[in-house]
């Protein structure tokens, strides 16, 4: 009964609609969280972007993992190989908002992502 009442009086979209919007434009949702206590934290960072690249003839995925730390957004890269093994870089980026963090991540060329793989204890 309380759930039905809340659904009627609160003007929130159904969860499925919200989730689809979040999947399509995660950056906007993260900006909405900027002043919220629910923003991604170091213990549970959010994946903002993902890219495929090749290293030594194998396909890898680089994921930008980010969280808000104080008044800045910080990020590291999770590097996943074909077998599903994942290696992390140190925190390599710090920007004022998640869009800037994504832009920096997307500016890395394939050679830089390969260098990150070489720098991890894989």
Protein backbone atom coordinates (compact mmCIF):
# COMPACT_ATOMS: atom_id res chain seq x y z
CA UNK A 1 0.00 0.00 0.00
CA UNK A 2 2.70 2.64 0.86
CA UNK A 3 4.55 1.86 -2.40
CA UNK A 4 1.44 2.42 -4.50
CA UNK A 5 0.79 5.69 -2.69
CA UNK A 6 4.38 6.88 -3.32
CA UNK A 7 4.18 5.89 -6.98
CA UNK A 8 1.00 7.95 -7.31
CA UNK A 9 2.18 11.13 -5.58
CA UNK A 10 5.85 11.23 -6.58
CA UNK A 11 6.58 12.20 -10.16
CA UNK A 12 9.37 9.72 -10.81
CA UNK A 13 9.51 7.59 -13.97
CA UNK A 14 9.24 3.82 -13.63
CA UNK A 15 12.57 2.22 -12.75
CA UNK A 16 12.91 0.66 -16.21
CA UNK A 17 12.59 4.09 -17.85
CA UNK A 18 15.09 5.63 -15.42
CA UNK A 19 17.54 2.75 -15.98
CA UNK A 20 17.33 3.11 -19.76
CA UNK A 21 18.02 6.85 -19.44
CA UNK A 22 20.93 6.15 -17.12
CA UNK A 23 22.42 3.64 -19.56
CA UNK A 24 22.11 6.08 -22.46
CA UNK A 25 23.48 9.16 -20.67
CA UNK A 26 25.37 8.16 -17.54
CA UNK A 27 27.31 11.44 -17.50
CA UNK A 28 24.14 13.48 -16.98
CA UNK A 29 23.02 11.21 -14.17
CA UNK A 30 26.42 11.51 -12.48
CA UNK A 31 26.28 15.30 -12.70
CA UNK A 32 22.87 15.12 -11.00
CA UNK A 33 24.54 13.16 -8.19
CA UNK A 34 27.39 15.64 -7.75
CA UNK A 35 26.11 17.08 -4.49
CA UNK A 36 24.39 13.90 -3.40
CA UNK A 37 25.56 11.50 -0.73
CA UNK A 38 24.78 8.75 -3.28
CA UNK A 39 27.55 9.74 -5.72
CA UNK A 40 29.96 6.90 -6.55
CA UNK A 41 32.62 6.50 -3.85
CA UNK A 42 36.03 4.88 -3.83
CA UNK A 43 34.57 1.61 -2.47
CA UNK A 44 32.09 1.36 -5.38
CA UNK A 45 33.16 3.41 -8.40
CA UNK A 46 30.97 3.75 -11.49
CA UNK A 47 32.04 2.79 -15.01
CA UNK A 48 31.79 5.93 -17.12
CA UNK A 49 33.24 4.72 -20.43
CA UNK A 50 34.57 1.54 -22.00
CA UNK A 51 36.81 1.02 -25.03
CA UNK A 52 38.20 -1.96 -26.88
CA UNK A 53 41.83 -2.09 -27.98
CA UNK A 54 44.37 -4.69 -29.09
CA UNK A 55 47.46 -5.69 -27.17
CA UNK A 56 49.87 -8.33 -28.51
CA UNK A 57 47.23 -9.57 -30.95
CA UNK A 58 44.51 -10.01 -28.33
CA UNK A 59 41.39 -7.94 -27.71
CA UNK A 60 41.22 -6.05 -24.41
CA UNK A 61 38.64 -3.74 -22.83
CA UNK A 62 39.60 -0.60 -20.92
CA UNK A 63 36.96 0.76 -18.53
CA UNK A 64 37.13 4.14 -16.87
CA UNK A 65 36.08 3.61 -13.24
CA UNK A 66 35.28 6.80 -11.37
CA UNK A 67 34.10 8.16 -8.05
CA UNK A 68 33.74 11.50 -6.34
CA UNK A 69 36.48 12.20 -3.84
CA UNK A 70 35.88 15.46 -2.01
CA UNK A 71 35.17 18.15 -4.58
CA UNK A 72 36.85 16.30 -7.48
CA UNK A 73 36.10 13.23 -9.59
CA UNK A 74 38.89 10.65 -9.64
CA UNK A 75 39.37 7.70 -11.92
CA UNK A 76 41.39 4.64 -12.69
CA UNK A 77 41.32 2.22 -15.61
CA UNK A 78 40.22 -1.40 -15.29
CA UNK A 79 41.88 -3.45 -18.05
CA UNK A 80 40.21 -6.75 -18.93
CA UNK A 81 41.76 -9.39 -21.16
CA UNK A 82 40.00 -12.00 -23.28
CA UNK A 83 39.92 -14.52 -20.41
CA UNK A 84 38.12 -12.06 -18.14
CA UNK A 85 41.12 -11.32 -15.94
CA UNK A 86 41.08 -7.69 -14.82
CA UNK A 87 43.98 -5.45 -13.84
CA UNK A 88 43.73 -1.92 -12.44
CA UNK A 89 45.87 1.13 -12.84
CA UNK A 90 46.48 3.52 -9.99
CA UNK A 91 44.19 6.56 -9.80
CA UNK A 92 45.39 8.37 -12.89
CA UNK A 93 42.87 11.14 -13.44
CA UNK A 94 41.34 13.90 -11.36
CA UNK A 95 38.90 16.39 -12.84
CA UNK A 96 36.19 18.79 -11.69
CA UNK A 97 33.36 16.82 -13.30
CA UNK A 98 32.84 13.35 -14.79
CA UNK A 99 32.55 14.66 -18.37
CA UNK A 100 36.11 16.02 -18.18
CA UNK A 101 37.29 12.69 -16.79
CA UNK A 102 35.63 10.88 -19.72
CA UNK A 103 37.16 13.27 -22.24
CA UNK A 104 40.63 12.60 -20.83
CA UNK A 105 40.07 8.83 -20.95
CA UNK A 106 38.79 8.98 -24.53
CA UNK A 107 41.84 11.01 -25.56
CA UNK A 108 44.20 8.12 -24.73
CA UNK A 109 45.48 6.50 -27.91
CA UNK A 110 45.86 2.75 -28.22
CA UNK A 111 49.60 3.01 -27.45
CA UNK A 112 48.78 4.62 -24.09
CA UNK A 113 46.29 1.87 -23.21
CA UNK A 114 48.90 -0.75 -24.14
CA UNK A 115 51.40 1.01 -21.87
CA UNK A 116 48.89 0.82 -19.02
CA UNK A 117 48.66 -2.97 -19.56
CA UNK A 118 52.45 -3.25 -19.43
CA UNK A 119 52.49 -1.24 -16.18
CA UNK A 120 50.16 -3.65 -14.35
CA UNK A 121 51.29 -6.87 -12.64
CA UNK A 122 49.63 -9.08 -15.30
